């Protein structure tokens, strides 16, 4: 653990609030001093499209805001498509799972080679299984290959889905994971992304947010307003790191239900249909179009 520095007591003192641990985990390292990746800052207009179709930028093209981001699937998007988006001035984030084994991914066989890595099936997703994120010696070569693919395609950043698998509990994942396990794994991923000139955010993990804000570059959250767990993400805003926040119509949520809170917190909020239907449209934004 000697490669990690303890978070200053001042940070721990600042992290008191609903759903936030008061004491920082030991394995949280300080921010890098000289970033070589492109930052994402509050006030960025964005969209999230994971339906595998060609990227639809119609909702971003007409916006005056020069800061634009589109989050799309790593494997479903070609280098030519990424280049087309970047030519429009769009920051391209490429999505991939880091906390699961997906039998549809091109590198699925690499997971099956590692005894004990694959856990229980993921409820509601028949093609996915939880993995033991403590097995970083086996996992990181797989994940760095994905980051190499992201860099080769021209992605600016990576969304690490399921980085908070400790939240699911051993009864669901098959592994007795802790928040510190997830933070340690995420730190390794962020370091590897940075080494390739890529940014990487925190995906969900509201309990992780105050600590991940130290080293992750931005955050993407689903339904923190719905579940009253947005507080920890304010640590990203304090560091001028964007918080991309999504609520869903499928829960009966309307813009007026959460946009005042997102705007007050300086989050970039969107209303989308449902987490299972992350199509480009409809897309309704709380601010900046």
Foldseek 3Di string as FASTA:
>chain_A
DVVAQADDLVLLCPQDDPLEHSGDDRRFHFADDDFLADFQFFPAAEAEAEPLDQDDCVVPLPFPDLHYEYEYALVSDALVSVVVCVVSSYQYEHEDELFKQFQPDPCNVLQVVDPQFFFAAAPPRRRITGGDLLVCVSRVVVLLVSLVSCLVSPHRAYEHPPLPVCVVACVRRVDNDDVVSSNNSVQVNQVSNRVSNHAYAAEAPLRCQSRVLRYHRAYEYECCVVVVRCVSVLNNNVVRHAYEYEYACVVVDDLVSPLVVCVVSSHWYWYYHDPVGRHRPDIDTSDSD
